[in-house]
Amino acid sequence: MTAWVVVLTKRAGKNLKKLPKEIIEIMDQFRRDLETEGPTPNGWIVKHVQGSPECFSARLKREYRVIYEVIAPTIIVISVSHRKESY
């Protein structure tokens, strides 16, 4: 089993601070799941970003998305934002 390391970009950190507390808590849980299970953790809706095979998009809640890139054994969180601002 690979030990995954999750890193937030500066942009993702700034985005995260602006979001509601509930979304921050959901993101914390998602981050823990990424560290233990890898790029496609069970129980989350995760899809590839079109045109970029190493990038994924995961649904945190109905309106919020996290975009991240996988460069094994590191997962780089690029953005955490409302879906209308994500893509």
C-alpha atoms as a PDB file:
ATOM      1  CA  MET A   1       0.000   0.000   0.000  1.00  0.00           C
ATOM      2  CA  THR A   2       1.427   3.360  -1.064  1.00  0.00           C
ATOM      3  CA  ALA A   3       1.631   6.201   1.432  1.00  0.00           C
ATOM      4  CA  TRP A   4       0.030   9.183  -0.296  1.00  0.00           C
ATOM      5  CA  VAL A   5       1.007  12.763   0.501  1.00  0.00           C
ATOM      6  CA  VAL A   6      -1.583  15.509  -0.052  1.00  0.00           C
ATOM      7  CA  VAL A   7      -0.241  19.011  -0.755  1.00  0.00           C
ATOM      8  CA  LEU A   8      -2.347  22.160  -1.175  1.00  0.00           C
ATOM      9  CA  THR A   9      -1.222  24.853  -3.595  1.00  0.00           C
ATOM     10  CA  LYS A  10      -1.206  28.452  -2.430  1.00  0.00           C
ATOM     11  CA  ARG A  11      -4.320  29.097  -4.524  1.00  0.00           C
ATOM     12  CA  ALA A  12      -6.177  26.150  -2.964  1.00  0.00           C
ATOM     13  CA  GLY A  13      -5.297  27.367   0.531  1.00  0.00           C
ATOM     14  CA  LYS A  14      -6.660  30.839  -0.229  1.00  0.00           C
ATOM     15  CA  ASN A  15      -9.824  29.399  -1.780  1.00  0.00           C
ATOM     16  CA  LEU A  16     -10.383  27.132   1.200  1.00  0.00           C
ATOM     17  CA  LYS A  17     -10.232  30.018   3.697  1.00  0.00           C
ATOM     18  CA  LYS A  18     -13.092  31.782   1.872  1.00  0.00           C
ATOM     19  CA  LEU A  19     -15.472  28.808   1.921  1.00  0.00           C
ATOM     20  CA  PRO A  20     -18.166  28.016   4.525  1.00  0.00           C
ATOM     21  CA  LYS A  21     -17.073  26.077   7.617  1.00  0.00           C
ATOM     22  CA  GLU A  22     -19.126  23.033   6.566  1.00  0.00           C
ATOM     23  CA  ILE A  23     -17.216  22.756   3.276  1.00  0.00           C
ATOM     24  CA  ILE A  24     -13.870  23.102   5.085  1.00  0.00           C
ATOM     25  CA  GLU A  25     -14.820  20.170   7.336  1.00  0.00           C
ATOM     26  CA  ILE A  26     -15.847  18.073   4.320  1.00  0.00           C
ATOM     27  CA  MET A  27     -12.542  18.936   2.614  1.00  0.00           C
ATOM     28  CA  ASP A  28     -10.622  17.818   5.726  1.00  0.00           C
ATOM     29  CA  GLN A  29     -12.370  14.440   5.576  1.00  0.00           C
ATOM     30  CA  PHE A  30     -11.703  14.160   1.835  1.00  0.00           C
ATOM     31  CA  ARG A  31      -8.021  14.974   2.406  1.00  0.00           C
ATOM     32  CA  ARG A  32      -7.730  12.218   5.042  1.00  0.00           C
ATOM     33  CA  ASP A  33      -9.395   9.762   2.646  1.00  0.00           C
ATOM     34  CA  LEU A  34      -6.966  10.748  -0.135  1.00  0.00           C
ATOM     35  CA  GLU A  35      -4.013  10.118   2.181  1.00  0.00           C
ATOM     36  CA  THR A  36      -5.225   6.651   3.159  1.00  0.00           C
ATOM     37  CA  GLU A  37      -6.921   5.383  -0.026  1.00  0.00           C
ATOM     38  CA  GLY A  38      -5.198   7.230  -2.875  1.00  0.00           C
ATOM     39  CA  PRO A  39      -6.529   9.304  -5.785  1.00  0.00           C
ATOM     40  CA  THR A  40      -9.972   7.682  -6.012  1.00  0.00           C
ATOM     41  CA  PRO A  41     -11.240   7.146  -2.457  1.00  0.00           C
ATOM     42  CA  ASN A  42     -14.400   5.115  -1.877  1.00  0.00           C
ATOM     43  CA  GLY A  43     -17.586   7.033  -1.119  1.00  0.00           C
ATOM     44  CA  TRP A  44     -16.688  10.133  -3.146  1.00  0.00           C
ATOM     45  CA  ILE A  45     -17.775  11.131  -6.650  1.00  0.00           C
ATOM     46  CA  VAL A  46     -14.464  11.463  -8.505  1.00  0.00           C
ATOM     47  CA  LYS A  47     -14.038  12.000 -12.256  1.00  0.00           C
ATOM     48  CA  HIS A  48     -11.141  12.711 -14.602  1.00  0.00           C
ATOM     49  CA  VAL A  49     -10.855  16.285 -15.822  1.00  0.00           C
ATOM     50  CA  GLN A  50     -11.451  16.231 -19.564  1.00  0.00           C
ATOM     51  CA  GLY A  51      -8.256  16.669 -21.558  1.00  0.00           C
ATOM     52  CA  SER A  52      -5.938  16.025 -18.627  1.00  0.00           C
ATOM     53  CA  PRO A  53      -5.573  12.355 -17.619  1.00  0.00           C
ATOM     54  CA  GLU A  54      -3.600  13.042 -14.439  1.00  0.00           C
ATOM     55  CA  CYS A  55      -6.142  15.565 -13.072  1.00  0.00           C
ATOM     56  CA  PHE A  56      -9.270  14.650 -11.137  1.00  0.00           C
ATOM     57  CA  SER A  57     -12.359  16.505  -9.966  1.00  0.00           C
ATOM     58  CA  ALA A  58     -14.188  15.426  -6.827  1.00  0.00           C
ATOM     59  CA  ARG A  59     -17.563  16.601  -5.587  1.00  0.00           C
ATOM     60  CA  LEU A  60     -17.417  17.792  -1.971  1.00  0.00           C
ATOM     61  CA  LYS A  61     -21.051  18.740  -1.770  1.00  0.00           C
ATOM     62  CA  ARG A  62     -23.632  19.456  -4.416  1.00  0.00           C
ATOM     63  CA  GLU A  63     -22.083  22.805  -5.432  1.00  0.00           C
ATOM     64  CA  TYR A  64     -18.412  22.503  -4.415  1.00  0.00           C
ATOM     65  CA  ARG A  65     -15.520  20.824  -6.236  1.00  0.00           C
ATOM     66  CA  VAL A  66     -11.900  20.034  -5.532  1.00  0.00           C
ATOM     67  CA  ILE A  67      -9.520  19.761  -8.491  1.00  0.00           C
ATOM     68  CA  TYR A  68      -6.305  17.815  -7.919  1.00  0.00           C
ATOM     69  CA  GLU A  69      -3.406  16.334  -9.829  1.00  0.00           C
ATOM     70  CA  VAL A  70      -1.788  12.971  -9.121  1.00  0.00           C
ATOM     71  CA  ILE A  71       1.971  12.560  -9.422  1.00  0.00           C
ATOM     72  CA  ALA A  72       2.558   9.377  -7.427  1.00  0.00           C
ATOM     73  CA  PRO A  73       3.039   9.326  -4.463  1.00  0.00           C
ATOM     74  CA  THR A  74       1.926  12.974  -4.225  1.00  0.00           C
ATOM     75  CA  ILE A  75      -1.554  14.423  -4.696  1.00  0.00           C
ATOM     76  CA  ILE A  76      -1.509  18.166  -5.402  1.00  0.00           C
ATOM     77  CA  VAL A  77      -4.766  20.002  -4.641  1.00  0.00           C
ATOM     78  CA  ILE A  78      -5.022  22.750  -7.243  1.00  0.00           C
ATOM     79  CA  SER A  79      -8.350  24.339  -6.356  1.00  0.00           C
ATOM     80  CA  VAL A  80     -11.291  24.092  -3.952  1.00  0.00           C
ATOM     81  CA  SER A  81     -14.232  26.221  -5.049  1.00  0.00           C
ATOM     82  CA  HIS A  82     -17.856  26.543  -6.090  1.00  0.00           C
ATOM     83  CA  ARG A  83     -18.550  24.559  -9.251  1.00  0.00           C
ATOM     84  CA  LYS A  84     -19.262  27.642 -11.367  1.00  0.00           C
ATOM     85  CA  GLU A  85     -15.730  28.912 -10.576  1.00  0.00           C
ATOM     86  CA  SER A  86     -13.929  25.541 -10.778  1.00  0.00           C
ATOM     87  CA  TYR A  87     -13.596  24.906 -14.474  1.00  0.00           C
END
